C-alpha atoms as a PDB file:
ATOM      1  CA  MET A   1      -8.448  -8.438  -8.311  1.00  0.00           C
ATOM      2  CA  GLU A   2      -8.229  -7.606  -4.632  1.00  0.00           C
ATOM      3  CA  LYS A   3     -10.504  -4.851  -3.391  1.00  0.00           C
ATOM      4  CA  LEU A   4      -9.201  -2.368  -0.842  1.00  0.00           C
ATOM      5  CA  LEU A   5     -10.971  -0.092   1.598  1.00  0.00           C
ATOM      6  CA  LYS A   6      -9.813   3.536   1.695  1.00  0.00           C
ATOM      7  CA  TYR A   7     -10.188   6.135   4.441  1.00  0.00           C
ATOM      8  CA  ARG A   8      -8.119   9.197   5.428  1.00  0.00           C
ATOM      9  CA  GLY A   9      -5.291   8.162   3.065  1.00  0.00           C
ATOM     10  CA  TYR A  10      -5.044   4.621   4.474  1.00  0.00           C
ATOM     11  CA  TYR A  11      -5.895   1.381   2.706  1.00  0.00           C
ATOM     12  CA  GLY A  12      -7.208  -1.815   4.224  1.00  0.00           C
ATOM     13  CA  SER A  13      -7.541  -5.378   3.009  1.00  0.00           C
ATOM     14  CA  ILE A  14     -10.741  -7.421   2.863  1.00  0.00           C
ATOM     15  CA  ASP A  15     -10.398 -11.109   3.721  1.00  0.00           C
ATOM     16  CA  VAL A  16     -12.862 -13.874   4.558  1.00  0.00           C
ATOM     17  CA  SER A  17     -12.667 -16.507   7.287  1.00  0.00           C
ATOM     18  CA  THR A  18     -15.114 -19.314   6.508  1.00  0.00           C
ATOM     19  CA  GLU A  19     -14.076 -21.020   9.745  1.00  0.00           C
ATOM     20  CA  ASP A  20     -15.066 -18.028  11.887  1.00  0.00           C
ATOM     21  CA  ASN A  21     -17.820 -16.836   9.525  1.00  0.00           C
ATOM     22  CA  CYS A  22     -16.470 -13.282   9.485  1.00  0.00           C
ATOM     23  CA  LEU A  23     -14.689 -10.723   7.374  1.00  0.00           C
ATOM     24  CA  PHE A  24     -11.381  -9.294   8.494  1.00  0.00           C
ATOM     25  CA  GLY A  25      -8.509  -7.164   7.285  1.00  0.00           C
ATOM     26  CA  LYS A  26      -5.514  -5.062   8.178  1.00  0.00           C
ATOM     27  CA  LEU A  27      -4.067  -1.725   7.160  1.00  0.00           C
ATOM     28  CA  GLN A  28      -1.877  -2.064   4.096  1.00  0.00           C
ATOM     29  CA  PHE A  29       1.377  -0.395   3.098  1.00  0.00           C
ATOM     30  CA  ILE A  30       2.507   0.446   6.653  1.00  0.00           C
ATOM     31  CA  ARG A  31       4.633  -1.557   9.106  1.00  0.00           C
ATOM     32  CA  ALA A  32       2.318  -1.255  12.091  1.00  0.00           C
ATOM     33  CA  LEU A  33      -0.116  -4.130  12.506  1.00  0.00           C
ATOM     34  CA  VAL A  34      -3.598  -2.643  12.638  1.00  0.00           C
ATOM     35  CA  SER A  35      -6.417  -5.138  12.104  1.00  0.00           C
ATOM     36  CA  TYR A  36     -10.220  -5.092  12.138  1.00  0.00           C
ATOM     37  CA  GLU A  37     -13.141  -7.451  11.571  1.00  0.00           C
ATOM     38  CA  GLY A  38     -16.885  -7.595  11.063  1.00  0.00           C
ATOM     39  CA  GLU A  39     -19.654 -10.001  10.171  1.00  0.00           C
ATOM     40  CA  THR A  40     -20.970  -7.950   7.231  1.00  0.00           C
ATOM     41  CA  VAL A  41     -19.408  -5.608   4.695  1.00  0.00           C
ATOM     42  CA  VAL A  42     -21.023  -2.643   6.446  1.00  0.00           C
ATOM     43  CA  GLU A  43     -19.556  -3.762   9.808  1.00  0.00           C
ATOM     44  CA  LEU A  44     -16.143  -4.357   8.222  1.00  0.00           C
ATOM     45  CA  GLU A  45     -16.074  -0.879   6.679  1.00  0.00           C
ATOM     46  CA  ALA A  46     -17.067   0.693  10.012  1.00  0.00           C
ATOM     47  CA  ALA A  47     -14.408  -1.346  11.857  1.00  0.00           C
ATOM     48  CA  PHE A  48     -11.805  -0.308   9.267  1.00  0.00           C
ATOM     49  CA  ARG A  49     -12.604   3.385   9.748  1.00  0.00           C
ATOM     50  CA  GLU A  50     -12.524   2.962  13.518  1.00  0.00           C
ATOM     51  CA  ALA A  51      -9.156   1.180  13.285  1.00  0.00           C
ATOM     52  CA  VAL A  52      -7.691   4.056  11.245  1.00  0.00           C
ATOM     53  CA  ASP A  53      -9.057   6.640  13.686  1.00  0.00           C
ATOM     54  CA  ASP A  54      -7.725   4.627  16.653  1.00  0.00           C
ATOM     55  CA  TYR A  55      -4.304   4.257  15.011  1.00  0.00           C
ATOM     56  CA  LEU A  56      -4.054   8.011  14.409  1.00  0.00           C
ATOM     57  CA  ALA A  57      -5.290   8.823  17.938  1.00  0.00           C
ATOM     58  CA  THR A  58      -2.807   6.377  19.486  1.00  0.00           C
ATOM     59  CA  CYS A  59       0.062   7.897  17.519  1.00  0.00           C
ATOM     60  CA  GLU A  60      -0.989  11.358  18.691  1.00  0.00           C
ATOM     61  CA  GLN A  61      -1.225  10.222  22.332  1.00  0.00           C
ATOM     62  CA  LEU A  62       2.251   8.680  22.126  1.00  0.00           C
ATOM     63  CA  GLY A  63       3.688  11.742  20.386  1.00  0.00           C
ATOM     64  CA  GLU A  64       4.628   9.641  17.350  1.00  0.00           C
ATOM     65  CA  THR A  65       4.202  10.477  13.690  1.00  0.00           C
ATOM     66  CA  PRO A  66       1.801   8.060  12.012  1.00  0.00           C
ATOM     67  CA  GLU A  67       3.290   6.053   9.169  1.00  0.00           C
ATOM     68  CA  THR A  68       2.466   7.286   5.693  1.00  0.00           C
ATOM     69  CA  PRO A  69       1.400   4.524   3.313  1.00  0.00           C
ATOM     70  CA  CYS A  70       3.932   4.165   0.507  1.00  0.00           C
ATOM     71  CA  LYS A  71       6.250   6.992   1.468  1.00  0.00           C
ATOM     72  CA  GLY A  72       7.592   7.354  -2.077  1.00  0.00           C
ATOM     73  CA  SER A  73      10.645   5.119  -2.329  1.00  0.00           C
ATOM     74  CA  PHE A  74      11.083   1.375  -2.612  1.00  0.00           C
ATOM     75  CA  ASN A  75      13.727  -1.170  -3.506  1.00  0.00           C
ATOM     76  CA  VAL A  76      13.157  -3.445  -6.462  1.00  0.00           C
ATOM     77  CA  ARG A  77      15.260  -6.538  -7.091  1.00  0.00           C
ATOM     78  CA  VAL A  78      15.298  -7.064 -10.846  1.00  0.00           C
ATOM     79  CA  GLY A  79      18.467  -9.065 -11.348  1.00  0.00           C
ATOM     80  CA  HIS A  80      21.797  -8.046 -12.857  1.00  0.00           C
ATOM     81  CA  ASN A  81      20.893  -8.181 -16.570  1.00  0.00           C
ATOM     82  CA  LEU A  82      17.682  -6.135 -16.332  1.00  0.00           C
ATOM     83  CA  HIS A  83      19.334  -3.617 -13.989  1.00  0.00           C
ATOM     84  CA  LEU A  84      22.270  -3.159 -16.373  1.00  0.00           C
ATOM     85  CA  ALA A  85      20.052  -2.898 -19.467  1.00  0.00           C
ATOM     86  CA  ALA A  86      17.832  -0.303 -17.769  1.00  0.00           C
ATOM     87  CA  ALA A  87      20.822   1.742 -16.561  1.00  0.00           C
ATOM     88  CA  VAL A  88      22.389   1.715 -20.031  1.00  0.00           C
ATOM     89  CA  SER A  89      19.104   2.653 -21.720  1.00  0.00           C
ATOM     90  CA  ALA A  90      18.457   5.480 -19.258  1.00  0.00           C
ATOM     91  CA  SER A  91      21.985   6.792 -19.777  1.00  0.00           C
ATOM     92  CA  GLN A  92      21.618   6.675 -23.562  1.00  0.00           C
ATOM     93  CA  HIS A  93      18.400   8.676 -23.316  1.00  0.00           C
ATOM     94  CA  GLY A  94      19.920  11.224 -20.920  1.00  0.00           C
ATOM     95  CA  ILE A  95      17.671  10.379 -17.980  1.00  0.00           C
ATOM     96  CA  SER A  96      18.247   8.820 -14.583  1.00  0.00           C
ATOM     97  CA  LEU A  97      17.335   5.257 -13.710  1.00  0.00           C
ATOM     98  CA  ASN A  98      14.781   6.711 -11.267  1.00  0.00           C
ATOM     99  CA  ASP A  99      13.165   8.709 -14.076  1.00  0.00           C
ATOM    100  CA  LEU A 100      13.082   5.646 -16.325  1.00  0.00           C
ATOM    101  CA  THR A 101      11.447   3.600 -13.555  1.00  0.00           C
ATOM    102  CA  ARG A 102       8.918   6.360 -12.765  1.00  0.00           C
ATOM    103  CA  GLN A 103       7.976   6.621 -16.448  1.00  0.00           C
ATOM    104  CA  ALA A 104       7.677   2.837 -16.837  1.00  0.00           C
ATOM    105  CA  LEU A 105       5.398   2.640 -13.772  1.00  0.00           C
ATOM    106  CA  HIS A 106       3.344   5.581 -15.006  1.00  0.00           C
ATOM    107  CA  ASP A 107       2.916   4.016 -18.451  1.00  0.00           C
ATOM    108  CA  TYR A 108       1.949   0.655 -16.936  1.00  0.00           C
ATOM    109  CA  LEU A 109      -0.646   2.235 -14.639  1.00  0.00           C
ATOM    110  CA  GLN A 110      -2.138   4.200 -17.530  1.00  0.00           C
ATOM    111  CA  GLN A 111      -2.700   0.920 -19.374  1.00  0.00           C
ATOM    112  CA  HIS A 112      -3.748  -1.083 -16.287  1.00  0.00           C
ATOM    113  CA  PRO A 113      -5.648   1.207 -13.911  1.00  0.00           C
END
């Protein structure tokens, strides 16, 4: 299971480079490439927080809105048969395909936190 750093609503990866003998990562769930590194976990966490703060400050200086991680919509390619079966099932239960998907994700996350 991959561990993630969290700060100010942003998430960051934790990776290891044995060649460079360092830890490194990048902000997750946004398009902008924001990376950081450190030699210890404490340094990596500090560099991650600094990277988030720098990203937000840069956006403010440029007059841009910072990206929000996972803005609330995504496309899922499930194939024709699963898509059709889900649409039919949702219709038969009087709910939308979005509601069916939300409920399925919710149920999964309750069982696999």
